Protein backbone atom coordinates (compact mmCIF):
# COMPACT_ATOMS: atom_id res chain seq x y z
CA MET A 1 -12.68 7.70 119.14
CA GLU A 2 -11.77 5.16 116.66
CA GLU A 3 -9.19 6.25 113.86
CA GLY A 4 -11.25 7.58 110.70
CA THR A 5 -14.35 8.33 112.50
CA TYR A 6 -15.79 11.62 112.81
CA LYS A 7 -17.73 13.10 116.08
CA SER A 8 -20.90 14.02 114.08
CA PRO A 9 -22.46 11.21 112.45
CA GLY A 10 -24.12 13.36 109.76
CA HIS A 11 -20.88 14.80 109.11
CA CYS A 12 -18.89 13.26 105.86
CA GLU A 13 -15.85 15.55 105.48
CA GLY A 14 -13.03 13.84 104.13
CA THR A 15 -14.52 11.44 101.82
CA ASP A 16 -12.66 12.97 99.05
CA ARG A 17 -9.22 12.53 100.55
CA ASP A 18 -8.61 8.79 101.56
CA TYR A 19 -11.67 7.80 99.38
CA ASP A 20 -13.77 5.10 101.01
CA ALA A 21 -17.09 4.60 99.74
CA LEU A 22 -18.31 2.59 103.05
CA GLN A 23 -17.40 5.59 105.15
CA TRP A 24 -20.74 7.26 103.82
CA ASP A 25 -22.53 4.33 102.56
CA THR A 26 -23.12 2.36 105.60
CA ARG A 27 -24.34 5.46 107.55
CA GLU A 28 -28.00 6.30 106.90
CA ASP A 29 -27.73 9.78 108.69
CA CYS A 30 -24.84 11.02 106.40
CA GLU A 31 -25.87 13.77 104.03
CA VAL A 32 -23.93 12.38 101.18
CA ARG A 33 -25.79 9.11 101.31
CA GLN A 34 -29.11 11.01 101.45
CA ILE A 35 -28.29 13.25 98.54
CA LEU A 36 -26.97 10.34 96.47
CA ASP A 37 -30.14 8.29 97.21
CA ARG A 38 -32.29 11.31 96.14
CA VAL A 39 -30.66 12.17 92.67
CA ALA A 40 -29.76 8.66 91.80
CA ASP A 41 -33.48 7.34 91.78
CA LYS A 42 -35.10 6.67 88.48
CA TRP A 43 -37.70 9.26 88.82
CA SER A 44 -35.36 12.14 89.76
CA LEU A 45 -33.04 11.39 87.10
CA LEU A 46 -35.73 11.35 84.51
CA VAL A 47 -37.16 14.50 85.74
CA ILE A 48 -33.76 16.23 85.63
CA ALA A 49 -32.94 14.93 81.90
CA LEU A 50 -36.46 16.09 80.98
CA LEU A 51 -35.89 19.57 82.45
CA ASP A 52 -32.68 20.10 80.74
CA ARG A 53 -33.01 23.56 78.70
CA HIS A 54 -36.93 22.83 79.20
CA THR A 55 -39.39 24.51 81.32
CA LEU A 56 -42.21 22.03 81.69
CA ARG A 57 -45.54 21.92 83.43
CA PHE A 58 -46.69 19.09 85.59
CA THR A 59 -48.90 17.52 82.90
CA GLU A 60 -45.86 17.59 80.46
CA LEU A 61 -43.59 15.89 82.85
CA ARG A 62 -46.10 13.10 83.66
CA ARG A 63 -47.08 12.48 80.09
CA LYS A 64 -43.34 12.11 79.14
CA ILE A 65 -42.30 9.89 82.08
CA ASP A 66 -43.91 6.39 81.39
CA GLY A 67 -44.93 4.71 84.38
CA ILE A 68 -44.76 7.55 86.95
CA SER A 69 -47.90 8.00 89.09
CA GLN A 70 -49.31 11.70 89.84
CA ARG A 71 -48.39 11.03 93.43
CA MET A 72 -44.65 9.95 92.86
CA LEU A 73 -44.11 12.85 90.42
CA THR A 74 -45.32 15.17 92.92
CA VAL A 75 -43.29 13.69 95.63
CA THR A 76 -40.21 13.59 93.48
CA LEU A 77 -40.64 17.38 92.29
CA ARG A 78 -41.11 18.36 95.98
CA GLN A 79 -37.80 16.52 96.90
CA LEU A 80 -35.93 18.06 94.05
CA GLU A 81 -37.35 21.55 94.81
CA ARG A 82 -36.19 21.03 98.43
CA ASP A 83 -32.64 20.23 97.46
CA GLY A 84 -32.40 23.21 95.29
CA LEU A 85 -32.38 21.43 92.00
CA VAL A 86 -35.75 22.44 90.59
CA GLU A 87 -37.51 25.39 90.71
CA ARG A 88 -41.27 25.67 90.72
CA THR A 89 -43.19 28.76 89.46
CA VAL A 90 -46.79 29.37 89.89
CA TYR A 91 -48.62 31.74 87.76
CA PRO A 92 -51.67 33.51 89.39
CA VAL A 93 -54.25 32.52 86.51
CA VAL A 94 -57.35 30.56 86.44
CA PRO A 95 -56.84 27.56 86.46
CA PRO A 96 -53.37 27.96 88.02
CA ARG A 97 -50.48 27.33 85.82
CA VAL A 98 -47.44 25.55 87.38
CA GLU A 99 -44.03 25.38 85.74
CA TYR A 100 -40.77 23.51 86.93
CA ALA A 101 -37.51 24.13 85.38
CA LEU A 102 -33.72 23.19 86.71
CA THR A 103 -32.09 25.63 88.89
CA PRO A 104 -28.42 26.45 88.13
CA LEU A 105 -27.40 23.75 90.60
CA GLY A 106 -29.68 21.26 88.86
CA ALA A 107 -28.04 22.02 85.34
CA THR A 108 -24.66 21.28 86.86
CA LEU A 109 -26.22 17.80 88.09
CA HIS A 110 -27.49 17.25 84.47
CA ASP A 111 -24.05 17.59 83.02
CA THR A 112 -22.91 14.79 85.67
CA ILE A 113 -25.79 12.49 84.54
CA GLN A 114 -25.15 13.14 80.85
CA ALA A 115 -21.64 11.86 81.51
CA LEU A 116 -23.03 8.59 83.15
CA VAL A 117 -25.52 8.19 80.23
CA THR A 118 -22.76 8.76 77.81
CA TRP A 119 -20.61 5.87 79.41
CA THR A 120 -23.69 3.55 79.67
CA GLU A 121 -24.29 3.98 76.01
CA GLY A 122 -20.74 3.41 74.86
CA HIS A 123 -20.58 0.30 77.04
CA GLN A 124 -24.06 -1.26 76.73
CA ASN A 125 -22.96 -4.00 74.38
CA GLU A 126 -20.00 -5.16 76.77
CA ILE A 127 -22.72 -5.20 79.58
CA ALA A 128 -25.06 -7.09 77.46
CA ALA A 129 -22.42 -9.62 76.56
CA ALA A 130 -21.46 -9.81 80.43
CA ARG A 131 -25.01 -10.34 81.37
CA ALA A 132 -25.61 -13.16 78.69
CA ALA A 133 -22.23 -14.87 79.81
CA TYR A 134 -23.43 -14.89 83.32
CA ASP A 135 -26.78 -16.00 82.66
CA ALA A 136 -25.40 -18.87 80.48
CA ARG A 137 -23.20 -19.80 83.56
CA GLU A 138 -25.72 -19.75 86.03
CA ALA A 139 -27.99 -22.00 83.85
CA ALA A 140 -25.20 -24.43 83.28
CA GLU A 141 -24.54 -24.62 86.96
CA ALA A 142 -28.26 -25.01 87.83
CA GLN A 143 -28.41 -27.95 85.42
CA ALA A 144 -25.24 -29.71 86.84
CA ARG A 145 -26.70 -29.38 90.53
CA PRO A 146 -28.71 -32.61 91.81
CA PRO A 147 -32.09 -31.96 92.57
CA GLU A 148 -32.57 -30.73 96.27
CA HIS A 149 -35.83 -32.79 96.94
CA THR A 150 -37.05 -36.02 95.62
CA ARG A 151 -40.73 -36.56 95.94
CA VAL A 152 -41.83 -40.09 97.15
């Protein structure tokens, strides 16, 4: 077996020791990658943010998340519930009332997401300046390039 590889392809133990992002990032069957794919998608991030210290009904979530379809919200909530991050409570009334809340595990993830949002807010001007500089360089390079095809 090659040095640094593990017997089980879904086993990602050791990513915290000699940290190598490619160890888990290139292996689709790695649970770390699967979890990161789930919690880092835009809909999951918004759902987790909205459920911080709030219990919301499906319709309230859908109203607050601009652009999400009913199907996508359903899929997102089911996945977050399956991962133990969101709890679904059904009340036996007519019509049925269903509420969603973060689990204690989901609340710990919210804290991590909040740190990322805080970083983003603190560096948004630097990022905007870097984007503008990049776009200006790209535009200047495009103007300096000779045309690829000339029509006759």
